[in-house]
Amino acid sequence: MQITINGKPEELQADTIMDVLKHKDIDPHMVAVELNTQIVERDQLDTTNVRDGDKVEFLFYMGGGT
């Protein structure tokens, strides 16, 4: 299936958002996920399905400041 991840089309086999995170080697505790412009709650990553043509955005938490 083809999905767009952070603006780049990718071909991968995944059923859920958690599968995509594992494929990309991303810790689910370090990222917020948006699927087709809707934020996915962390407790729904295992149950939220992805489909061909979906758009997924990973929003990484950054620390810093003074």
PDB file of N, CA and C in Angstrom:
ATOM      1  N   MET A   1       0.843  -1.166   0.000  1.00  0.00           N
ATOM      2  CA  MET A   1       0.000   0.000   0.000  1.00  0.00           C
ATOM      3  C   MET A   1       0.887   1.227   0.000  1.00  0.00           C
ATOM      4  N   GLN A   2       0.382   2.310  -0.564  1.00  0.00           N
ATOM      5  CA  GLN A   2       1.138   3.561  -0.577  1.00  0.00           C
ATOM      6  C   GLN A   2       0.454   4.563   0.342  1.00  0.00           C
ATOM      7  N   ILE A   3       1.243   5.125   1.262  1.00  0.00           N
ATOM      8  CA  ILE A   3       0.773   6.196   2.121  1.00  0.00           C
ATOM      9  C   ILE A   3       1.806   7.312   2.068  1.00  0.00           C
ATOM     10  N   THR A   4       1.400   8.484   2.472  1.00  0.00           N
ATOM     11  CA  THR A   4       2.318   9.614   2.528  1.00  0.00           C
ATOM     12  C   THR A   4       2.692   9.850   3.979  1.00  0.00           C
ATOM     13  N   ILE A   5       3.993   9.817   4.257  1.00  0.00           N
ATOM     14  CA  ILE A   5       4.495  10.031   5.610  1.00  0.00           C
ATOM     15  C   ILE A   5       5.318  11.305   5.620  1.00  0.00           C
ATOM     16  N   ASN A   6       4.856  12.272   6.396  1.00  0.00           N
ATOM     17  CA  ASN A   6       5.516  13.578   6.482  1.00  0.00           C
ATOM     18  C   ASN A   6       5.809  14.150   5.096  1.00  0.00           C
ATOM     19  N   GLY A   7       4.819  14.048   4.218  1.00  0.00           N
ATOM     20  CA  GLY A   7       4.913  14.655   2.896  1.00  0.00           C
ATOM     21  C   GLY A   7       5.609  13.820   1.838  1.00  0.00           C
ATOM     22  N   LYS A   8       6.110  12.627   2.200  1.00  0.00           N
ATOM     23  CA  LYS A   8       6.819  11.795   1.230  1.00  0.00           C
ATOM     24  C   LYS A   8       6.067  10.484   1.005  1.00  0.00           C
ATOM     25  N   PRO A   9       5.754  10.157  -0.245  1.00  0.00           N
ATOM     26  CA  PRO A   9       5.069   8.892  -0.518  1.00  0.00           C
ATOM     27  C   PRO A   9       5.973   7.711  -0.185  1.00  0.00           C
ATOM     28  N   GLU A  10       5.389   6.704   0.470  1.00  0.00           N
ATOM     29  CA  GLU A  10       6.131   5.490   0.818  1.00  0.00           C
ATOM     30  C   GLU A  10       5.257   4.281   0.559  1.00  0.00           C
ATOM     31  N   GLU A  11       5.900   3.236   0.112  1.00  0.00           N
ATOM     32  CA  GLU A  11       5.239   1.958  -0.119  1.00  0.00           C
ATOM     33  C   GLU A  11       5.601   1.050   1.051  1.00  0.00           C
ATOM     34  N   LEU A  12       4.584   0.586   1.801  1.00  0.00           N
ATOM     35  CA  LEU A  12       4.854  -0.321   2.911  1.00  0.00           C
ATOM     36  C   LEU A  12       3.622  -1.125   3.249  1.00  0.00           C
ATOM     37  N   GLN A  13       3.851  -2.219   3.945  1.00  0.00           N
ATOM     38  CA  GLN A  13       2.761  -3.069   4.396  1.00  0.00           C
ATOM     39  C   GLN A  13       2.522  -2.784   5.873  1.00  0.00           C
ATOM     40  N   ALA A  14       1.366  -2.243   6.189  1.00  0.00           N
ATOM     41  CA  ALA A  14       1.014  -1.920   7.569  1.00  0.00           C
ATOM     42  C   ALA A  14      -0.502  -1.953   7.690  1.00  0.00           C
ATOM     43  N   ASP A  15      -0.963  -2.404   8.846  1.00  0.00           N
ATOM     44  CA  ASP A  15      -2.401  -2.409   9.103  1.00  0.00           C
ATOM     45  C   ASP A  15      -2.821  -1.249   9.986  1.00  0.00           C
ATOM     46  N   THR A  16      -1.951  -0.894  10.943  1.00  0.00           N
ATOM     47  CA  THR A  16      -2.295   0.137  11.919  1.00  0.00           C
ATOM     48  C   THR A  16      -1.204   1.199  11.982  1.00  0.00           C
ATOM     49  N   ILE A  17      -1.524   2.289  12.661  1.00  0.00           N
ATOM     50  CA  ILE A  17      -0.529   3.336  12.893  1.00  0.00           C
ATOM     51  C   ILE A  17       0.668   2.768  13.644  1.00  0.00           C
ATOM     52  N   MET A  18       0.428   1.884  14.615  1.00  0.00           N
ATOM     53  CA  MET A  18       1.536   1.281  15.366  1.00  0.00           C
ATOM     54  C   MET A  18       2.460   0.499  14.443  1.00  0.00           C
ATOM     55  N   ASP A  19       1.910  -0.189  13.444  1.00  0.00           N
ATOM     56  CA  ASP A  19       2.737  -0.900  12.468  1.00  0.00           C
ATOM     57  C   ASP A  19       3.641   0.079  11.714  1.00  0.00           C
ATOM     58  N   VAL A  20       3.100   1.226  11.350  1.00  0.00           N
ATOM     59  CA  VAL A  20       3.893   2.235  10.647  1.00  0.00           C
ATOM     60  C   VAL A  20       5.015   2.737  11.554  1.00  0.00           C
ATOM     61  N   LEU A  21       4.694   3.011  12.814  1.00  0.00           N
ATOM     62  CA  LEU A  21       5.714   3.471  13.758  1.00  0.00           C
ATOM     63  C   LEU A  21       6.827   2.431  13.901  1.00  0.00           C
ATOM     64  N   LYS A  22       6.469   1.169  14.017  1.00  0.00           N
ATOM     65  CA  LYS A  22       7.472   0.105  14.141  1.00  0.00           C
ATOM     66  C   LYS A  22       8.324   0.024  12.877  1.00  0.00           C
ATOM     67  N   HIS A  23       7.677   0.116  11.718  1.00  0.00           N
ATOM     68  CA  HIS A  23       8.403   0.072  10.448  1.00  0.00           C
ATOM     69  C   HIS A  23       9.424   1.205  10.361  1.00  0.00           C
ATOM     70  N   LYS A  24       9.064   2.378  10.860  1.00  0.00           N
ATOM     71  CA  LYS A  24       9.945   3.545  10.815  1.00  0.00           C
ATOM     72  C   LYS A  24      10.880   3.613  12.026  1.00  0.00           C
ATOM     73  N   ASP A  25      10.771   2.631  12.940  1.00  0.00           N
ATOM     74  CA  ASP A  25      11.591   2.575  14.155  1.00  0.00           C
ATOM     75  C   ASP A  25      11.431   3.851  14.997  1.00  0.00           C
ATOM     76  N   ILE A  26      10.164   4.224  15.235  1.00  0.00           N
ATOM     77  CA  ILE A  26       9.841   5.420  16.012  1.00  0.00           C
ATOM     78  C   ILE A  26       9.165   5.001  17.306  1.00  0.00           C
ATOM     79  N   ASP A  27       9.666   5.506  18.416  1.00  0.00           N
ATOM     80  CA  ASP A  27       9.089   5.251  19.737  1.00  0.00           C
ATOM     81  C   ASP A  27       7.760   5.996  19.834  1.00  0.00           C
ATOM     82  N   PRO A  28       6.653   5.300  20.057  1.00  0.00           N
ATOM     83  CA  PRO A  28       5.349   5.974  20.103  1.00  0.00           C
ATOM     84  C   PRO A  28       5.209   6.980  21.241  1.00  0.00           C
ATOM     85  N   HIS A  29       6.072   6.894  22.244  1.00  0.00           N
ATOM     86  CA  HIS A  29       6.019   7.859  23.348  1.00  0.00           C
ATOM     87  C   HIS A  29       6.717   9.173  23.013  1.00  0.00           C
ATOM     88  N   MET A  30       7.432   9.215  21.903  1.00  0.00           N
ATOM     89  CA  MET A  30       8.205  10.398  21.536  1.00  0.00           C
ATOM     90  C   MET A  30       7.597  11.177  20.372  1.00  0.00           C
ATOM     91  N   VAL A  31       6.360  10.826  20.001  1.00  0.00           N
ATOM     92  CA  VAL A  31       5.782  11.430  18.810  1.00  0.00           C
ATOM     93  C   VAL A  31       4.264  11.558  18.968  1.00  0.00           C
ATOM     94  N   ALA A  32       3.721  12.602  18.376  1.00  0.00           N
ATOM     95  CA  ALA A  32       2.272  12.701  18.199  1.00  0.00           C
ATOM     96  C   ALA A  32       2.001  12.325  16.740  1.00  0.00           C
ATOM     97  N   VAL A  33       0.858  11.700  16.500  1.00  0.00           N
ATOM     98  CA  VAL A  33       0.554  11.207  15.151  1.00  0.00           C
ATOM     99  C   VAL A  33      -0.729  11.853  14.651  1.00  0.00           C
ATOM    100  N   GLU A  34      -0.654  12.305  13.417  1.00  0.00           N
ATOM    101  CA  GLU A  34      -1.821  12.870  12.740  1.00  0.00           C
ATOM    102  C   GLU A  34      -2.110  11.986  11.535  1.00  0.00           C
ATOM    103  N   LEU A  35      -3.357  11.569  11.406  1.00  0.00           N
ATOM    104  CA  LEU A  35      -3.793  10.757  10.272  1.00  0.00           C
ATOM    105  C   LEU A  35      -4.860  11.539   9.528  1.00  0.00           C
ATOM    106  N   ASN A  36      -4.544  11.909   8.291  1.00  0.00           N
ATOM    107  CA  ASN A  36      -5.487  12.674   7.466  1.00  0.00           C
ATOM    108  C   ASN A  36      -6.025  13.892   8.216  1.00  0.00           C
ATOM    109  N   THR A  37      -5.132  14.647   8.805  1.00  0.00           N
ATOM    110  CA  THR A  37      -5.363  15.916   9.527  1.00  0.00           C
ATOM    111  C   THR A  37      -6.024  15.761  10.895  1.00  0.00           C
ATOM    112  N   GLN A  38      -6.205  14.531  11.375  1.00  0.00           N
ATOM    113  CA  GLN A  38      -6.803  14.305  12.689  1.00  0.00           C
ATOM    114  C   GLN A  38      -5.768  13.670  13.617  1.00  0.00           C
ATOM    115  N   ILE A  39      -5.607  14.240  14.821  1.00  0.00           N
ATOM    116  CA  ILE A  39      -4.683  13.679  15.797  1.00  0.00           C
ATOM    117  C   ILE A  39      -5.213  12.320  16.258  1.00  0.00           C
ATOM    118  N   VAL A  40      -4.321  11.343  16.334  1.00  0.00           N
ATOM    119  CA  VAL A  40      -4.668  10.006  16.814  1.00  0.00           C
ATOM    120  C   VAL A  40      -4.216   9.914  18.275  1.00  0.00           C
ATOM    121  N   GLU A  41      -5.142   9.585  19.151  1.00  0.00           N
ATOM    122  CA  GLU A  41      -4.803   9.433  20.566  1.00  0.00           C
ATOM    123  C   GLU A  41      -3.832   8.274  20.742  1.00  0.00           C
ATOM    124  N   ARG A  42      -2.896   8.436  21.663  1.00  0.00           N
ATOM    125  CA  ARG A  42      -1.859   7.422  21.883  1.00  0.00           C
ATOM    126  C   ARG A  42      -2.445   6.038  22.166  1.00  0.00           C
ATOM    127  N   ASP A  43      -3.549   5.986  22.921  1.00  0.00           N
ATOM    128  CA  ASP A  43      -4.140   4.683  23.248  1.00  0.00           C
ATOM    129  C   ASP A  43      -4.892   4.062  22.066  1.00  0.00           C
ATOM    130  N   GLN A  44      -4.939   4.762  20.930  1.00  0.00           N
ATOM    131  CA  GLN A  44      -5.609   4.226  19.739  1.00  0.00           C
ATOM    132  C   GLN A  44      -4.642   3.885  18.606  1.00  0.00           C
ATOM    133  N   LEU A  45      -3.340   3.995  18.865  1.00  0.00           N
ATOM    134  CA  LEU A  45      -2.353   3.717  17.818  1.00  0.00           C
ATOM    135  C   LEU A  45      -2.416   2.276  17.331  1.00  0.00           C
ATOM    136  N   ASP A  46      -2.707   1.339  18.268  1.00  0.00           N
ATOM    137  CA  ASP A  46      -2.800  -0.086  17.909  1.00  0.00           C
ATOM    138  C   ASP A  46      -4.068  -0.429  17.146  1.00  0.00           C
ATOM    139  N   THR A  47      -5.088   0.400  17.259  1.00  0.00           N
ATOM    140  CA  THR A  47      -6.388   0.056  16.679  1.00  0.00           C
ATOM    141  C   THR A  47      -6.803   0.964  15.519  1.00  0.00           C
ATOM    142  N   THR A  48      -6.006   1.992  15.239  1.00  0.00           N
ATOM    143  CA  THR A  48      -6.334   2.894  14.133  1.00  0.00           C
ATOM    144  C   THR A  48      -5.720   2.353  12.849  1.00  0.00           C
ATOM    145  N   ASN A  49      -6.568   1.978  11.920  1.00  0.00           N
ATOM    146  CA  ASN A  49      -6.116   1.400  10.658  1.00  0.00           C
ATOM    147  C   ASN A  49      -5.625   2.470   9.697  1.00  0.00           C
ATOM    148  N   VAL A  50      -4.656   2.077   8.876  1.00  0.00           N
ATOM    149  CA  VAL A  50      -4.215   2.924   7.774  1.00  0.00           C
ATOM    150  C   VAL A  50      -4.643   2.251   6.479  1.00  0.00           C
ATOM    151  N   ARG A  51      -4.954   3.094   5.510  1.00  0.00           N
ATOM    152  CA  ARG A  51      -5.424   2.595   4.220  1.00  0.00           C
ATOM    153  C   ARG A  51      -4.617   3.234   3.098  1.00  0.00           C
ATOM    154  N   ASP A  52      -4.639   2.582   1.964  1.00  0.00           N
ATOM    155  CA  ASP A  52      -3.947   3.108   0.793  1.00  0.00           C
ATOM    156  C   ASP A  52      -4.371   4.555   0.547  1.00  0.00           C
ATOM    157  N   GLY A  53      -3.383   5.435   0.390  1.00  0.00           N
ATOM    158  CA  GLY A  53      -3.661   6.836   0.112  1.00  0.00           C
ATOM    159  C   GLY A  53      -3.717   7.730   1.341  1.00  0.00           C
ATOM    160  N   ASP A  54      -3.653   7.144   2.538  1.00  0.00           N
ATOM    161  CA  ASP A  54      -3.689   7.949   3.764  1.00  0.00           C
ATOM    162  C   ASP A  54      -2.464   8.844   3.872  1.00  0.00           C
ATOM    163  N   LYS A  55      -2.636   9.931   4.624  1.00  0.00           N
ATOM    164  CA  LYS A  55      -1.544  10.862   4.910  1.00  0.00           C
ATOM    165  C   LYS A  55      -1.279  10.836   6.407  1.00  0.00           C
ATOM    166  N   VAL A  56      -0.028  10.498   6.755  1.00  0.00           N
ATOM    167  CA  VAL A  56       0.374  10.386   8.150  1.00  0.00           C
ATOM    168  C   VAL A  56       1.456  11.425   8.423  1.00  0.00           C
ATOM    169  N   GLU A  57       1.298  12.146   9.509  1.00  0.00           N
ATOM    170  CA  GLU A  57       2.308  13.110   9.941  1.00  0.00           C
ATOM    171  C   GLU A  57       2.775  12.717  11.326  1.00  0.00           C
ATOM    172  N   PHE A  58       4.095  12.692  11.524  1.00  0.00           N
ATOM    173  CA  PHE A  58       4.684  12.460  12.828  1.00  0.00           C
ATOM    174  C   PHE A  58       5.182  13.791  13.358  1.00  0.00           C
ATOM    175  N   LEU A  59       4.727  14.162  14.530  1.00  0.00           N
ATOM    176  CA  LEU A  59       5.116  15.415  15.166  1.00  0.00           C
ATOM    177  C   LEU A  59       5.984  15.067  16.350  1.00  0.00           C
ATOM    178  N   PHE A  60       7.285  15.366  16.254  1.00  0.00           N
ATOM    179  CA  PHE A  60       8.236  14.979  17.287  1.00  0.00           C
ATOM    180  C   PHE A  60       8.332  16.049  18.357  1.00  0.00           C
ATOM    181  N   TYR A  61       8.430  15.598  19.594  1.00  0.00           N
ATOM    182  CA  TYR A  61       8.593  16.515  20.722  1.00  0.00           C
ATOM    183  C   TYR A  61      10.044  16.957  20.798  1.00  0.00           C
ATOM    184  N   MET A  62      10.243  18.253  20.979  1.00  0.00           N
ATOM    185  CA  MET A  62      11.588  18.806  21.073  1.00  0.00           C
ATOM    186  C   MET A  62      11.692  19.540  22.406  1.00  0.00           C
ATOM    187  N   GLY A  63      12.773  19.329  23.091  1.00  0.00           N
ATOM    188  CA  GLY A  63      13.031  20.049  24.334  1.00  0.00           C
ATOM    189  C   GLY A  63      14.049  21.151  24.080  1.00  0.00           C
ATOM    190  N   GLY A  64      14.171  22.009  25.058  1.00  0.00           N
ATOM    191  CA  GLY A  64      15.175  23.061  24.942  1.00  0.00           C
ATOM    192  C   GLY A  64      14.723  24.339  25.592  1.00  0.00           C
ATOM    193  N   GLY A  65      15.498  25.342  25.377  1.00  0.00           N
ATOM    194  CA  GLY A  65      15.181  26.648  25.956  1.00  0.00           C
ATOM    195  C   GLY A  65      16.137  26.967  27.090  1.00  0.00           C
ATOM    196  N   THR A  66      15.877  28.075  27.713  1.00  0.00           N
ATOM    197  CA  THR A  66      16.741  28.487  28.830  1.00  0.00           C
ATOM    198  C   THR A  66      16.006  28.517  30.124  1.00  0.00           C
TER     199      THR A  66
END
